[in-house]
Protein backbone atom coordinates (compact mmCIF):
# COMPACT_ATOMS: atom_id res chain seq x y z
CA MET A 1 153.98 -73.47 -94.86
CA PRO A 2 155.19 -77.10 -94.84
CA ARG A 3 153.82 -79.61 -92.38
CA SER A 4 155.98 -79.96 -89.29
CA VAL A 5 156.36 -83.44 -87.83
CA ASN A 6 158.16 -83.91 -84.52
CA SER A 7 159.98 -87.10 -85.36
CA VAL A 8 162.25 -86.80 -82.30
CA ALA A 9 159.27 -87.08 -79.93
CA SER A 10 157.64 -89.80 -82.05
CA ARG A 11 160.78 -91.92 -82.02
CA ALA A 12 161.21 -91.39 -78.26
CA ARG A 13 157.62 -92.52 -77.68
CA ARG A 14 158.12 -95.63 -79.80
CA LYS A 15 161.45 -96.40 -78.17
CA LYS A 16 159.82 -96.22 -74.73
CA VAL A 17 157.14 -98.72 -75.73
CA MET A 18 159.64 -101.05 -77.43
CA LYS A 19 161.75 -101.00 -74.27
CA GLN A 20 158.69 -102.00 -72.24
CA ALA A 21 158.03 -104.86 -74.69
CA LYS A 22 161.52 -106.28 -74.19
CA GLY A 23 161.35 -109.96 -73.31
CA TYR A 24 158.00 -110.59 -75.01
CA PHE A 25 157.68 -113.55 -77.39
CA GLY A 26 157.73 -113.37 -81.17
CA ARG A 27 156.65 -110.21 -82.98
CA ARG A 28 155.39 -108.69 -79.76
CA LYS A 29 158.96 -107.62 -78.93
CA ASN A 30 160.08 -106.07 -82.24
CA VAL A 31 157.10 -105.02 -84.38
CA TRP A 32 155.78 -101.61 -83.35
CA THR A 33 152.03 -102.15 -83.87
CA VAL A 34 152.03 -105.57 -82.19
CA ALA A 35 154.30 -104.40 -79.35
CA LYS A 36 152.14 -101.32 -78.72
CA ASN A 37 149.02 -103.47 -78.31
CA ALA A 38 150.84 -106.00 -76.12
CA VAL A 39 152.24 -103.30 -73.83
CA GLU A 40 148.85 -101.57 -73.57
CA LYS A 41 147.17 -104.87 -72.62
CA ALA A 42 149.93 -105.63 -70.12
CA MET A 43 149.50 -102.22 -68.51
CA SER A 44 145.75 -102.72 -68.11
CA TYR A 45 146.35 -106.17 -66.57
CA SER A 46 148.94 -104.77 -64.16
CA TYR A 47 146.59 -101.96 -63.07
CA ARG A 48 143.72 -104.42 -62.53
CA ASP A 49 145.86 -106.99 -60.75
CA ARG A 50 147.43 -104.54 -58.32
CA ARG A 51 143.91 -104.34 -56.87
CA ALA A 52 143.11 -108.04 -57.30
CA LYS A 53 146.30 -108.97 -55.41
CA LYS A 54 144.93 -107.40 -52.23
CA ARG A 55 141.73 -109.45 -52.52
CA ASN A 56 143.67 -112.65 -53.22
CA PHE A 57 145.92 -112.22 -50.20
CA ARG A 58 142.98 -111.47 -47.91
CA SER A 59 141.22 -114.68 -49.01
CA LEU A 60 144.45 -116.65 -48.52
CA TRP A 61 144.82 -115.27 -44.98
CA ILE A 62 141.20 -116.12 -44.18
CA THR A 63 141.71 -119.69 -45.44
CA ARG A 64 144.81 -120.13 -43.26
CA ILE A 65 143.14 -118.66 -40.17
CA ASN A 66 140.12 -120.90 -40.74
CA ALA A 67 142.34 -123.99 -41.00
CA GLY A 68 144.18 -123.03 -37.80
CA ALA A 69 140.98 -122.26 -35.91
CA ARG A 70 139.34 -125.53 -36.95
CA GLN A 71 142.27 -127.50 -35.52
CA HIS A 72 141.18 -126.10 -32.17
CA GLY A 73 137.46 -126.78 -32.67
CA MET A 74 136.34 -123.36 -33.85
CA SER A 75 135.13 -121.96 -37.14
CA TYR A 76 136.66 -118.85 -38.69
CA SER A 77 133.62 -116.68 -38.02
CA GLN A 78 133.37 -117.76 -34.37
CA PHE A 79 137.07 -117.13 -33.90
CA MET A 80 136.99 -113.64 -35.46
CA GLY A 81 133.84 -112.75 -33.50
CA LYS A 82 135.47 -113.74 -30.21
CA LEU A 83 138.65 -111.84 -31.12
CA LYS A 84 136.59 -108.67 -31.57
CA ALA A 85 134.64 -109.32 -28.36
CA ASN A 86 137.90 -109.71 -26.40
CA ASP A 87 139.41 -106.56 -27.96
CA ILE A 88 142.33 -108.42 -29.52
CA GLU A 89 143.37 -106.26 -32.45
CA LEU A 90 145.48 -108.53 -34.63
CA ASN A 91 144.92 -108.24 -38.35
CA ARG A 92 144.35 -111.20 -40.66
CA LYS A 93 147.87 -111.03 -42.08
CA VAL A 94 149.46 -111.49 -38.65
CA LEU A 95 146.95 -114.15 -37.59
CA ALA A 96 147.56 -116.14 -40.77
CA ASP A 97 151.32 -115.96 -40.23
CA LEU A 98 150.91 -117.18 -36.65
CA ALA A 99 148.60 -120.01 -37.76
CA MET A 100 151.12 -121.17 -40.39
CA ASN A 101 154.53 -120.57 -38.82
CA HIS A 102 153.93 -120.33 -35.06
CA PRO A 103 151.11 -122.76 -34.18
CA GLU A 104 151.85 -122.60 -30.43
CA ALA A 105 151.37 -118.81 -30.42
CA PHE A 106 148.16 -119.18 -32.44
CA GLU A 107 146.94 -121.82 -29.99
CA ALA A 108 147.57 -119.40 -27.12
CA ILE A 109 145.37 -116.81 -28.84
CA VAL A 110 142.63 -119.38 -29.44
CA ASN A 111 142.74 -120.45 -25.77
CA LYS A 112 142.57 -116.82 -24.65
CA VAL A 113 139.39 -116.14 -26.64
CA LYS A 114 137.61 -119.41 -25.78
């Protein structure tokens, strides 16, 4: 019995990867072996960085809250500790937005916890 090769599925698989490699530079966009490696690497980076993005944003929010709190003579850790003690349940994302875009509202929160 002759060997059966499913070229329809193989071509579809390759086409899918080549479509994902669209826009890459040089041979990465049109040579199958290079494009396959580039797409695989890109997928692993995207998986990793979907998690890293959450960490990066949290650290950005903390930096902004710290800067806002220090303008009112408080450190970040003191500020967050007093927020918890006063049962003010605002998350870091909201606090950072207030510190950046609505300083008067942030000042009101700082004065409330002092």
